[in-house]
Structures are given as C-alpha cells and as structure tokens.
Amino acid sequence: MKIGIVGLPNVGKSTLFNALTGARALVANYAFATIHPNMGVVPVPDKRLAALAKVVGTETLIPATVEFVDIAGLVKGASRGEGLGNQFLSHIREVDAILHVVRCFEDENIVYVGNGIDPIADYRTIEIELILADIAHLERRQAKLTKQAKGHAAEVLSELAMIERLLLHLNDEKPARSFIPSDAELHFM
C-alpha cells in the first residue's frame, strides 16, 4: 500500500513522515521545503509471519510493507497550477490512500499560510483542490470518450454516463470517495 501524506505547507507533513519511517527528510520553517516527494517504506509487523514460515518450512520472512510518500504542501489554487499544484496533483494520483495532516497548534515561530489556525478551513481547502483536480481529470476523459462514442460502443456510453453522474457529485462539492457507483460502473473506477 502506498499512502500519500498531504496538507498545507508547514503543518507537519515531513515531521510525521520522519516519525513514521525513521527517515531524516528536511523539516524547515518555510513553504515548499519539500519540492520532490520523500518516500519511505515501513515493514508491517505481523506475529503470524514466523508461525507461517515454520509451517511452510522457510527461513525467509518477507513482511508486508507500507510506502509513505511525503508530498509537497498544497495551497489554494493548486488545481489551477498555483504553488507546486500540478506536481502535487500528479504525485497524489499515484497513491492508494491519503493521510491528510492539518495544523491544530499555534506557534508564532512557524510560518503559516493561513490567516489564523483553522483546521476545518484548512481541511476544506485541500478537499476542494482535490475535487477541482478530479473534475478537470474527468472532463478531459469525458472529451476523449465523447469522440470515441460516435461509434456508439455500449461500453463507452456506459462510462460516459458514469462520468456525468460523478461530475454532478463533484460539482456538489462532494469528494469522489463518497460517490457510490453501480455494480456495472465499478470497473470504470
């Protein structure tokens, strides 16, 4: 599993990444200290692994792992390319899960991009940017499929219908993760 650590600049993403992975990624008091994502792999402890190795008769133990990706801070307007927006969004598409870090502490010594500590507003900023990026991605896919639909292939028309439903969902400011596809639409996701 690959987990992307996301949030606004200077909320503690790299600090959390270092704590989870034992890495020494740069932690700095300025926006965009992380430009390229930091990556770290952590083994998942499982007491059952040794017992299974005995049953199978092997000395080689290969634990499951989690890969953490410390992604550059996202700012309002990232879906339009603000800050490191396009880079951020390309990295976020590559992960299986998102770990969203929000700032809930005051410290005048740490630069903050907001107007005051407001975890809910910060959460919504990231959420909206991800929704806007999903909308842009789906609109590009929709345009491509519309050209293909001229032959009226049933599969293409079905995917277009699902995209239209998902776009309506996203335009209501609901994240893609809360969209419930039909059984027939699952393979498009």
N, C-alpha and C. Protein backbone atom coordinates (compact mmCIF):
# COMPACT_ATOMS: atom_id res chain seq x y z
N MET A 1 0.85 -1.18 0.00
CA MET A 1 0.00 0.00 0.00
C MET A 1 0.89 1.23 0.00
N LYS A 2 0.46 2.23 -0.75
CA LYS A 2 1.20 3.49 -0.87
C LYS A 2 0.30 4.60 -0.32
N ILE A 3 0.78 5.29 0.73
CA ILE A 3 -0.01 6.33 1.39
C ILE A 3 0.66 7.68 1.18
N GLY A 4 -0.08 8.63 0.63
CA GLY A 4 0.42 9.98 0.42
C GLY A 4 0.07 10.87 1.59
N ILE A 5 1.06 11.55 2.14
CA ILE A 5 0.84 12.49 3.25
C ILE A 5 0.66 13.88 2.63
N VAL A 6 -0.54 14.46 2.83
CA VAL A 6 -0.87 15.74 2.20
C VAL A 6 -1.31 16.76 3.23
N GLY A 7 -1.28 18.02 2.84
CA GLY A 7 -1.74 19.11 3.69
C GLY A 7 -1.15 20.42 3.19
N LEU A 8 -1.53 21.50 3.84
CA LEU A 8 -0.98 22.81 3.52
C LEU A 8 0.50 22.84 3.88
N PRO A 9 1.26 23.82 3.40
CA PRO A 9 2.66 23.94 3.81
C PRO A 9 2.79 24.17 5.32
N ASN A 10 3.84 23.63 5.90
CA ASN A 10 4.21 23.83 7.31
C ASN A 10 3.17 23.37 8.32
N VAL A 11 2.52 22.25 8.04
CA VAL A 11 1.57 21.70 9.02
C VAL A 11 2.14 20.48 9.74
N GLY A 12 3.31 20.01 9.32
CA GLY A 12 3.93 18.87 9.99
C GLY A 12 3.99 17.60 9.15
N LYS A 13 3.79 17.71 7.85
CA LYS A 13 3.82 16.52 6.99
C LYS A 13 5.17 15.81 7.04
N SER A 14 6.25 16.55 6.87
CA SER A 14 7.58 15.93 6.86
C SER A 14 7.95 15.42 8.25
N THR A 15 7.53 16.12 9.28
CA THR A 15 7.78 15.65 10.65
C THR A 15 7.08 14.32 10.88
N LEU A 16 5.83 14.21 10.46
CA LEU A 16 5.09 12.95 10.59
C LEU A 16 5.75 11.87 9.74
N PHE A 17 6.14 12.21 8.52
CA PHE A 17 6.82 11.26 7.64
C PHE A 17 8.07 10.71 8.33
N ASN A 18 8.88 11.60 8.91
CA ASN A 18 10.10 11.17 9.60
C ASN A 18 9.77 10.26 10.78
N ALA A 19 8.72 10.59 11.53
CA ALA A 19 8.33 9.77 12.68
C ALA A 19 7.87 8.38 12.24
N LEU A 20 7.14 8.30 11.15
CA LEU A 20 6.62 7.02 10.67
C LEU A 20 7.70 6.14 10.04
N THR A 21 8.64 6.77 9.34
CA THR A 21 9.61 6.00 8.55
C THR A 21 11.00 5.93 9.17
N GLY A 22 11.29 6.78 10.13
CA GLY A 22 12.64 6.85 10.67
C GLY A 22 13.59 7.57 9.72
N ALA A 23 13.05 8.23 8.72
CA ALA A 23 13.87 8.96 7.75
C ALA A 23 14.31 10.29 8.34
N ARG A 24 15.09 11.00 7.59
CA ARG A 24 15.56 12.33 8.01
C ARG A 24 15.29 13.35 6.90
N ALA A 25 14.04 13.37 6.46
CA ALA A 25 13.66 14.34 5.42
C ALA A 25 13.77 15.75 5.99
N LEU A 26 14.10 16.69 5.13
CA LEU A 26 14.23 18.08 5.55
C LEU A 26 12.94 18.59 6.18
N VAL A 27 13.07 19.16 7.37
CA VAL A 27 11.96 19.83 8.04
C VAL A 27 12.41 21.28 8.18
N ALA A 28 11.68 22.19 7.53
CA ALA A 28 12.12 23.59 7.52
C ALA A 28 10.94 24.51 7.73
N ASN A 29 11.24 25.71 8.20
CA ASN A 29 10.21 26.69 8.53
C ASN A 29 9.96 27.65 7.37
N TYR A 30 9.69 27.08 6.20
CA TYR A 30 9.28 27.89 5.05
C TYR A 30 8.46 27.01 4.13
N ALA A 31 7.58 27.65 3.38
CA ALA A 31 6.69 26.91 2.48
C ALA A 31 7.51 26.23 1.38
N PHE A 32 7.07 25.06 1.00
CA PHE A 32 7.65 24.27 -0.08
C PHE A 32 9.08 23.84 0.20
N ALA A 33 9.39 23.53 1.47
CA ALA A 33 10.68 22.93 1.81
C ALA A 33 10.78 21.58 1.10
N THR A 34 9.64 20.91 0.96
CA THR A 34 9.59 19.66 0.21
C THR A 34 9.13 20.00 -1.20
N ILE A 35 10.00 19.79 -2.17
CA ILE A 35 9.63 20.03 -3.56
C ILE A 35 9.38 18.69 -4.25
N HIS A 36 10.33 17.79 -4.09
CA HIS A 36 10.18 16.44 -4.62
C HIS A 36 9.72 15.55 -3.47
N PRO A 37 8.82 14.62 -3.73
CA PRO A 37 8.30 13.81 -2.63
C PRO A 37 9.39 12.96 -1.98
N ASN A 38 9.30 12.86 -0.66
CA ASN A 38 10.15 11.94 0.09
C ASN A 38 9.40 10.62 0.16
N MET A 39 10.12 9.52 0.03
CA MET A 39 9.49 8.20 0.08
C MET A 39 10.19 7.34 1.10
N GLY A 40 9.39 6.58 1.84
CA GLY A 40 9.94 5.66 2.82
C GLY A 40 9.06 4.43 2.94
N VAL A 41 9.70 3.28 3.09
CA VAL A 41 8.98 2.01 3.19
C VAL A 41 9.12 1.49 4.61
N VAL A 42 8.00 1.09 5.18
CA VAL A 42 7.97 0.61 6.56
C VAL A 42 7.38 -0.80 6.58
N PRO A 43 8.09 -1.77 7.20
CA PRO A 43 7.51 -3.12 7.30
C PRO A 43 6.34 -3.11 8.29
N VAL A 44 5.35 -3.94 8.00
CA VAL A 44 4.19 -4.06 8.87
C VAL A 44 4.41 -5.27 9.78
N PRO A 45 4.55 -5.05 11.09
CA PRO A 45 4.78 -6.18 11.99
C PRO A 45 3.59 -7.14 11.98
N ASP A 46 3.90 -8.44 11.95
CA ASP A 46 2.85 -9.45 11.98
C ASP A 46 3.41 -10.69 12.67
N LYS A 47 2.94 -10.94 13.89
CA LYS A 47 3.43 -12.08 14.68
C LYS A 47 3.15 -13.41 13.98
N ARG A 48 2.16 -13.46 13.12
CA ARG A 48 1.79 -14.70 12.45
C ARG A 48 2.81 -15.12 11.41
N LEU A 49 3.64 -14.19 10.95
CA LEU A 49 4.59 -14.47 9.87
C LEU A 49 5.58 -15.57 10.25
N ALA A 50 6.12 -15.52 11.46
CA ALA A 50 7.08 -16.54 11.90
C ALA A 50 6.42 -17.91 11.97
N ALA A 51 5.19 -17.96 12.47
CA ALA A 51 4.47 -19.24 12.55
C ALA A 51 4.21 -19.80 11.15
N LEU A 52 3.84 -18.94 10.23
CA LEU A 52 3.60 -19.39 8.85
C LEU A 52 4.89 -19.88 8.20
N ALA A 53 6.01 -19.23 8.49
CA ALA A 53 7.29 -19.64 7.94
C ALA A 53 7.66 -21.04 8.42
N LYS A 54 7.35 -21.35 9.68
CA LYS A 54 7.61 -22.70 10.21
C LYS A 54 6.77 -23.74 9.48
N VAL A 55 5.50 -23.43 9.27
CA VAL A 55 4.60 -24.36 8.58
C VAL A 55 5.08 -24.62 7.16
N VAL A 56 5.49 -23.58 6.47
CA VAL A 56 5.93 -23.70 5.09
C VAL A 56 7.35 -24.26 5.00
N GLY A 57 8.13 -24.08 6.05
CA GLY A 57 9.49 -24.58 6.07
C GLY A 57 10.49 -23.64 5.41
N THR A 58 10.36 -22.37 5.66
CA THR A 58 11.30 -21.40 5.10
C THR A 58 11.86 -20.52 6.21
N GLU A 59 13.08 -20.05 5.99
CA GLU A 59 13.67 -19.11 6.94
C GLU A 59 13.51 -17.67 6.46
N THR A 60 13.09 -17.53 5.22
CA THR A 60 12.94 -16.20 4.63
C THR A 60 11.59 -15.61 5.03
N LEU A 61 11.64 -14.48 5.70
CA LEU A 61 10.43 -13.78 6.10
C LEU A 61 10.37 -12.46 5.34
N ILE A 62 9.31 -12.27 4.59
CA ILE A 62 9.13 -11.02 3.86
C ILE A 62 7.82 -10.40 4.33
N PRO A 63 7.94 -9.39 5.21
CA PRO A 63 6.71 -8.79 5.75
C PRO A 63 6.01 -7.90 4.72
N ALA A 64 4.75 -7.69 4.94
CA ALA A 64 4.02 -6.70 4.15
C ALA A 64 4.63 -5.33 4.47
N THR A 65 4.52 -4.41 3.55
CA THR A 65 5.09 -3.09 3.77
C THR A 65 4.07 -2.00 3.42
N VAL A 66 4.31 -0.84 3.99
CA VAL A 66 3.55 0.36 3.65
C VAL A 66 4.57 1.38 3.16
N GLU A 67 4.29 1.96 2.01
CA GLU A 67 5.16 3.02 1.49
C GLU A 67 4.50 4.36 1.79
N PHE A 68 5.22 5.23 2.47
CA PHE A 68 4.72 6.57 2.76
C PHE A 68 5.38 7.55 1.80
N VAL A 69 4.57 8.48 1.29
CA VAL A 69 5.07 9.50 0.37
C VAL A 69 4.75 10.86 0.97
N ASP A 70 5.79 11.61 1.29
CA ASP A 70 5.66 12.97 1.84
C ASP A 70 5.58 13.92 0.65
N ILE A 71 4.37 14.41 0.38
CA ILE A 71 4.10 15.21 -0.81
C ILE A 71 4.17 16.70 -0.45
N ALA A 72 4.69 17.49 -1.37
CA ALA A 72 4.82 18.94 -1.15
C ALA A 72 3.50 19.56 -0.72
N GLY A 73 3.58 20.61 0.09
CA GLY A 73 2.40 21.30 0.58
C GLY A 73 1.53 21.84 -0.55
N LEU A 74 0.24 21.73 -0.35
CA LEU A 74 -0.74 22.19 -1.32
C LEU A 74 -1.28 23.54 -0.87
N VAL A 75 -1.48 24.44 -1.81
CA VAL A 75 -2.07 25.74 -1.49
C VAL A 75 -3.35 25.92 -2.29
N LYS A 76 -4.16 26.87 -1.84
CA LYS A 76 -5.38 27.20 -2.57
C LYS A 76 -5.00 27.60 -3.99
N GLY A 77 -5.70 27.05 -4.96
CA GLY A 77 -5.41 27.32 -6.36
C GLY A 77 -4.51 26.28 -7.00
N ALA A 78 -4.14 25.24 -6.26
CA ALA A 78 -3.25 24.20 -6.80
C ALA A 78 -3.85 23.54 -8.04
N SER A 79 -5.16 23.39 -8.08
CA SER A 79 -5.79 22.76 -9.24
C SER A 79 -5.64 23.62 -10.49
N ARG A 80 -5.29 24.89 -10.30
CA ARG A 80 -5.02 25.80 -11.43
C ARG A 80 -3.52 26.03 -11.60
N GLY A 81 -2.70 25.25 -10.88
CA GLY A 81 -1.26 25.35 -11.02
C GLY A 81 -0.56 26.24 -10.01
N GLU A 82 -1.28 26.80 -9.02
CA GLU A 82 -0.66 27.66 -8.00
C GLU A 82 0.31 26.84 -7.15
N GLY A 83 1.34 27.50 -6.64
CA GLY A 83 2.33 26.81 -5.80
C GLY A 83 2.99 25.70 -6.60
N LEU A 84 3.04 24.52 -6.04
CA LEU A 84 3.55 23.35 -6.75
C LEU A 84 2.38 22.47 -7.17
N GLY A 85 1.25 23.10 -7.45
CA GLY A 85 -0.01 22.41 -7.68
C GLY A 85 0.01 21.26 -8.64
N ASN A 86 0.52 21.48 -9.85
CA ASN A 86 0.49 20.41 -10.84
C ASN A 86 1.38 19.25 -10.43
N GLN A 87 2.55 19.56 -9.83
CA GLN A 87 3.42 18.49 -9.33
C GLN A 87 2.73 17.74 -8.21
N PHE A 88 2.13 18.48 -7.27
CA PHE A 88 1.42 17.87 -6.15
C PHE A 88 0.36 16.91 -6.67
N LEU A 89 -0.45 17.39 -7.59
CA LEU A 89 -1.58 16.60 -8.06
C LEU A 89 -1.12 15.37 -8.83
N SER A 90 0.00 15.45 -9.54
CA SER A 90 0.48 14.26 -10.22
C SER A 90 0.97 13.22 -9.21
N HIS A 91 1.57 13.66 -8.11
CA HIS A 91 2.03 12.72 -7.09
C HIS A 91 0.87 12.11 -6.32
N ILE A 92 -0.16 12.87 -6.07
CA ILE A 92 -1.29 12.37 -5.28
C ILE A 92 -2.06 11.30 -6.06
N ARG A 93 -2.05 11.38 -7.38
CA ARG A 93 -2.75 10.38 -8.19
C ARG A 93 -2.09 9.01 -8.11
N GLU A 94 -0.84 8.97 -7.69
CA GLU A 94 -0.09 7.72 -7.66
C GLU A 94 -0.25 6.94 -6.36
N VAL A 95 -0.97 7.47 -5.38
CA VAL A 95 -1.08 6.78 -4.09
C VAL A 95 -2.41 6.04 -3.96
N ASP A 96 -2.42 5.08 -3.04
CA ASP A 96 -3.63 4.29 -2.79
C ASP A 96 -4.53 4.93 -1.73
N ALA A 97 -3.92 5.68 -0.83
CA ALA A 97 -4.67 6.31 0.26
C ALA A 97 -4.04 7.66 0.58
N ILE A 98 -4.84 8.53 1.17
CA ILE A 98 -4.38 9.87 1.53
C ILE A 98 -4.41 10.02 3.04
N LEU A 99 -3.30 10.47 3.61
CA LEU A 99 -3.22 10.80 5.03
C LEU A 99 -3.14 12.33 5.07
N HIS A 100 -4.21 12.96 5.51
CA HIS A 100 -4.33 14.42 5.46
C HIS A 100 -3.94 15.01 6.81
N VAL A 101 -2.90 15.84 6.81
CA VAL A 101 -2.41 16.47 8.03
C VAL A 101 -2.91 17.91 8.08
N VAL A 102 -3.52 18.29 9.21
CA VAL A 102 -3.95 19.68 9.40
C VAL A 102 -3.27 20.24 10.64
N ARG A 103 -3.06 21.54 10.63
CA ARG A 103 -2.39 22.20 11.76
C ARG A 103 -3.42 22.55 12.82
N CYS A 104 -3.15 22.10 14.03
CA CYS A 104 -4.05 22.37 15.17
C CYS A 104 -3.27 23.01 16.31
N PHE A 105 -2.16 23.63 16.02
CA PHE A 105 -1.35 24.25 17.07
C PHE A 105 -0.95 25.66 16.66
N GLU A 106 -0.72 26.48 17.65
CA GLU A 106 -0.25 27.84 17.39
C GLU A 106 1.21 27.91 17.78
N ASP A 107 2.01 28.50 16.92
CA ASP A 107 3.42 28.72 17.19
C ASP A 107 3.87 29.86 16.28
N GLU A 108 4.09 31.02 16.87
CA GLU A 108 4.44 32.19 16.06
C GLU A 108 5.78 32.02 15.37
N ASN A 109 6.57 31.04 15.77
CA ASN A 109 7.87 30.81 15.15
C ASN A 109 7.79 29.97 13.88
N ILE A 110 6.62 29.40 13.61
CA ILE A 110 6.45 28.57 12.42
C ILE A 110 5.56 29.30 11.42
N VAL A 111 6.10 29.52 10.23
CA VAL A 111 5.37 30.22 9.17
C VAL A 111 4.10 29.46 8.84
N TYR A 112 3.01 30.21 8.67
CA TYR A 112 1.72 29.59 8.37
C TYR A 112 1.10 30.30 7.18
N VAL A 113 0.53 29.55 6.24
CA VAL A 113 -0.01 30.15 5.02
C VAL A 113 -1.42 30.70 5.20
N GLY A 114 -2.09 30.35 6.28
CA GLY A 114 -3.46 30.81 6.50
C GLY A 114 -3.52 32.11 7.26
N ASN A 115 -4.76 32.56 7.53
CA ASN A 115 -4.97 33.81 8.27
C ASN A 115 -5.09 33.57 9.76
N GLY A 116 -5.06 32.39 10.19
CA GLY A 116 -5.20 32.01 11.58
C GLY A 116 -5.41 30.51 11.63
N ILE A 117 -5.16 29.92 12.75
CA ILE A 117 -5.30 28.47 12.85
C ILE A 117 -6.77 28.10 12.74
N ASP A 118 -7.10 27.37 11.68
CA ASP A 118 -8.48 26.94 11.42
C ASP A 118 -8.42 25.59 10.72
N PRO A 119 -8.32 24.50 11.48
CA PRO A 119 -8.18 23.17 10.88
C PRO A 119 -9.31 22.81 9.91
N ILE A 120 -10.53 23.25 10.20
CA ILE A 120 -11.65 22.92 9.32
C ILE A 120 -11.49 23.62 7.97
N ALA A 121 -11.13 24.90 8.00
CA ALA A 121 -10.91 25.64 6.75
C ALA A 121 -9.74 25.04 5.97
N ASP A 122 -8.69 24.67 6.68
CA ASP A 122 -7.53 24.06 6.02
C ASP A 122 -7.92 22.73 5.37
N TYR A 123 -8.70 21.93 6.09
CA TYR A 123 -9.18 20.66 5.55
C TYR A 123 -9.99 20.90 4.28
N ARG A 124 -10.90 21.88 4.33
CA ARG A 124 -11.75 22.18 3.17
C ARG A 124 -10.91 22.68 1.98
N THR A 125 -9.86 23.44 2.24
CA THR A 125 -9.00 23.92 1.15
C THR A 125 -8.44 22.74 0.37
N ILE A 126 -7.89 21.78 1.08
CA ILE A 126 -7.32 20.60 0.42
C ILE A 126 -8.42 19.81 -0.28
N GLU A 127 -9.53 19.62 0.42
CA GLU A 127 -10.65 18.85 -0.13
C GLU A 127 -11.14 19.47 -1.44
N ILE A 128 -11.33 20.79 -1.46
CA ILE A 128 -11.82 21.47 -2.66
C ILE A 128 -10.80 21.36 -3.80
N GLU A 129 -9.52 21.52 -3.49
CA GLU A 129 -8.50 21.40 -4.53
C GLU A 129 -8.49 20.00 -5.14
N LEU A 130 -8.67 18.97 -4.31
CA LEU A 130 -8.73 17.61 -4.83
C LEU A 130 -9.97 17.40 -5.68
N ILE A 131 -11.09 17.96 -5.26
CA ILE A 131 -12.34 17.87 -6.03
C ILE A 131 -12.16 18.57 -7.38
N LEU A 132 -11.58 19.77 -7.38
CA LEU A 132 -11.37 20.51 -8.63
C LEU A 132 -10.43 19.75 -9.57
N ALA A 133 -9.41 19.12 -9.01
CA ALA A 133 -8.49 18.32 -9.83
C ALA A 133 -9.22 17.11 -10.42
N ASP A 134 -10.08 16.47 -9.63
CA ASP A 134 -10.86 15.34 -10.14
C ASP A 134 -11.79 15.79 -11.25
N ILE A 135 -12.42 16.94 -11.09
CA ILE A 135 -13.32 17.47 -12.13
C ILE A 135 -12.54 17.69 -13.43
N ALA A 136 -11.38 18.33 -13.34
CA ALA A 136 -10.57 18.59 -14.53
C ALA A 136 -10.17 17.28 -15.22
N HIS A 137 -9.77 16.29 -14.41
CA HIS A 137 -9.38 14.99 -14.96
C HIS A 137 -10.56 14.32 -15.67
N LEU A 138 -11.72 14.34 -15.02
CA LEU A 138 -12.90 13.71 -15.61
C LEU A 138 -13.38 14.43 -16.86
N GLU A 139 -13.27 15.73 -16.89
CA GLU A 139 -13.68 16.48 -18.08
C GLU A 139 -12.79 16.14 -19.27
N ARG A 140 -11.49 15.95 -19.02
CA ARG A 140 -10.59 15.53 -20.11
C ARG A 140 -10.97 14.13 -20.60
N ARG A 141 -11.24 13.23 -19.65
CA ARG A 141 -11.64 11.86 -20.01
C ARG A 141 -12.97 11.89 -20.77
N GLN A 142 -13.89 12.71 -20.33
CA GLN A 142 -15.20 12.83 -20.98
C GLN A 142 -15.04 13.31 -22.43
N ALA A 143 -14.19 14.29 -22.66
CA ALA A 143 -13.96 14.81 -24.02
C ALA A 143 -13.39 13.71 -24.92
N LYS A 144 -12.44 12.95 -24.38
CA LYS A 144 -11.83 11.86 -25.16
C LYS A 144 -12.87 10.80 -25.50
N LEU A 145 -13.68 10.41 -24.52
CA LEU A 145 -14.69 9.37 -24.74
C LEU A 145 -15.80 9.84 -25.67
N THR A 146 -16.13 11.12 -25.61
CA THR A 146 -17.18 11.66 -26.48
C THR A 146 -16.79 11.48 -27.95
N LYS A 147 -15.51 11.67 -28.25
CA LYS A 147 -15.04 11.45 -29.63
C LYS A 147 -15.18 9.98 -30.01
N GLN A 148 -14.89 9.08 -29.06
CA GLN A 148 -14.99 7.64 -29.32
C GLN A 148 -16.44 7.17 -29.40
N ALA A 149 -17.35 7.89 -28.77
CA ALA A 149 -18.75 7.45 -28.68
C ALA A 149 -19.50 7.58 -29.99
N LYS A 150 -18.88 8.19 -30.97
CA LYS A 150 -19.56 8.35 -32.26
C LYS A 150 -19.94 7.00 -32.85
N GLY A 151 -19.16 5.96 -32.53
CA GLY A 151 -19.49 4.60 -32.98
C GLY A 151 -20.53 3.96 -32.09
N HIS A 152 -20.95 4.67 -31.03
CA HIS A 152 -21.98 4.22 -30.09
C HIS A 152 -21.64 2.90 -29.40
N ALA A 153 -20.37 2.70 -29.10
CA ALA A 153 -19.98 1.50 -28.36
C ALA A 153 -20.63 1.55 -26.98
N ALA A 154 -21.31 0.48 -26.61
CA ALA A 154 -22.06 0.44 -25.34
C ALA A 154 -21.15 0.71 -24.14
N GLU A 155 -19.95 0.16 -24.18
CA GLU A 155 -19.01 0.34 -23.07
C GLU A 155 -18.66 1.82 -22.90
N VAL A 156 -18.39 2.49 -23.99
CA VAL A 156 -18.03 3.91 -23.95
C VAL A 156 -19.21 4.74 -23.45
N LEU A 157 -20.39 4.44 -23.92
CA LEU A 157 -21.58 5.17 -23.48
C LEU A 157 -21.85 4.95 -21.99
N SER A 158 -21.59 3.74 -21.51
CA SER A 158 -21.77 3.45 -20.08
C SER A 158 -20.78 4.24 -19.24
N GLU A 159 -19.53 4.30 -19.70
CA GLU A 159 -18.53 5.06 -18.95
C GLU A 159 -18.86 6.55 -18.97
N LEU A 160 -19.31 7.05 -20.10
CA LEU A 160 -19.71 8.46 -20.18
C LEU A 160 -20.85 8.78 -19.21
N ALA A 161 -21.80 7.88 -19.10
CA ALA A 161 -22.92 8.08 -18.16
C ALA A 161 -22.41 8.12 -16.72
N MET A 162 -21.47 7.24 -16.40
CA MET A 162 -20.89 7.22 -15.05
C MET A 162 -20.13 8.52 -14.79
N ILE A 163 -19.37 8.98 -15.77
CA ILE A 163 -18.61 10.23 -15.62
C ILE A 163 -19.56 11.40 -15.38
N GLU A 164 -20.66 11.44 -16.10
CA GLU A 164 -21.63 12.51 -15.90
C GLU A 164 -22.20 12.49 -14.48
N ARG A 165 -22.51 11.29 -13.98
CA ARG A 165 -23.02 11.18 -12.60
C ARG A 165 -21.95 11.62 -11.60
N LEU A 166 -20.72 11.19 -11.82
CA LEU A 166 -19.63 11.55 -10.91
C LEU A 166 -19.35 13.06 -10.97
N LEU A 167 -19.41 13.66 -12.14
CA LEU A 167 -19.22 15.11 -12.24
C LEU A 167 -20.30 15.88 -11.48
N LEU A 168 -21.54 15.42 -11.57
CA LEU A 168 -22.61 16.06 -10.79
C LEU A 168 -22.31 15.97 -9.30
N HIS A 169 -21.84 14.81 -8.87
CA HIS A 169 -21.47 14.58 -7.47
C HIS A 169 -20.36 15.55 -7.05
N LEU A 170 -19.31 15.62 -7.84
CA LEU A 170 -18.17 16.50 -7.53
C LEU A 170 -18.57 17.97 -7.56
N ASN A 171 -19.41 18.35 -8.50
CA ASN A 171 -19.84 19.75 -8.59
C ASN A 171 -20.71 20.17 -7.41
N ASP A 172 -21.23 19.21 -6.66
CA ASP A 172 -21.92 19.50 -5.40
C ASP A 172 -20.93 19.58 -4.24
N GLU A 173 -19.62 19.66 -4.56
CA GLU A 173 -18.53 19.72 -3.58
C GLU A 173 -18.47 18.49 -2.70
N LYS A 174 -18.82 17.35 -3.27
CA LYS A 174 -18.69 16.07 -2.58
C LYS A 174 -17.48 15.36 -3.16
N PRO A 175 -16.62 14.79 -2.31
CA PRO A 175 -15.41 14.13 -2.82
C PRO A 175 -15.74 12.83 -3.56
N ALA A 176 -14.86 12.45 -4.46
CA ALA A 176 -15.05 11.23 -5.25
C ALA A 176 -15.17 10.01 -4.35
N ARG A 177 -14.50 10.01 -3.21
CA ARG A 177 -14.54 8.84 -2.33
C ARG A 177 -15.94 8.55 -1.80
N SER A 178 -16.83 9.55 -1.80
CA SER A 178 -18.19 9.33 -1.30
C SER A 178 -19.17 8.97 -2.43
N PHE A 179 -18.68 8.91 -3.66
CA PHE A 179 -19.52 8.53 -4.80
C PHE A 179 -19.77 7.03 -4.75
N ILE A 180 -21.00 6.62 -4.94
CA ILE A 180 -21.33 5.19 -4.92
C ILE A 180 -21.68 4.75 -6.34
N PRO A 181 -20.75 4.05 -6.98
CA PRO A 181 -21.03 3.58 -8.34
C PRO A 181 -21.97 2.38 -8.31
N SER A 182 -22.67 2.19 -9.41
CA SER A 182 -23.49 0.98 -9.54
C SER A 182 -22.56 -0.20 -9.75
N ASP A 183 -23.08 -1.40 -9.62
CA ASP A 183 -22.26 -2.60 -9.86
C ASP A 183 -21.65 -2.57 -11.26
N ALA A 184 -22.43 -2.12 -12.23
CA ALA A 184 -21.96 -2.06 -13.62
C ALA A 184 -20.87 -1.00 -13.81
N GLU A 185 -20.83 0.00 -12.94
CA GLU A 185 -19.85 1.10 -13.07
C GLU A 185 -18.55 0.83 -12.33
N LEU A 186 -18.52 -0.16 -11.48
CA LEU A 186 -17.35 -0.39 -10.63
C LEU A 186 -16.06 -0.54 -11.42
N HIS A 187 -16.10 -1.21 -12.56
CA HIS A 187 -14.86 -1.44 -13.30
C HIS A 187 -14.32 -0.19 -13.98
N PHE A 188 -15.10 0.89 -14.02
CA PHE A 188 -14.60 2.15 -14.56
C PHE A 188 -13.81 2.94 -13.52
N MET A 189 -13.98 2.61 -12.26
CA MET A 189 -13.38 3.39 -11.18
C MET A 189 -11.89 3.11 -11.05
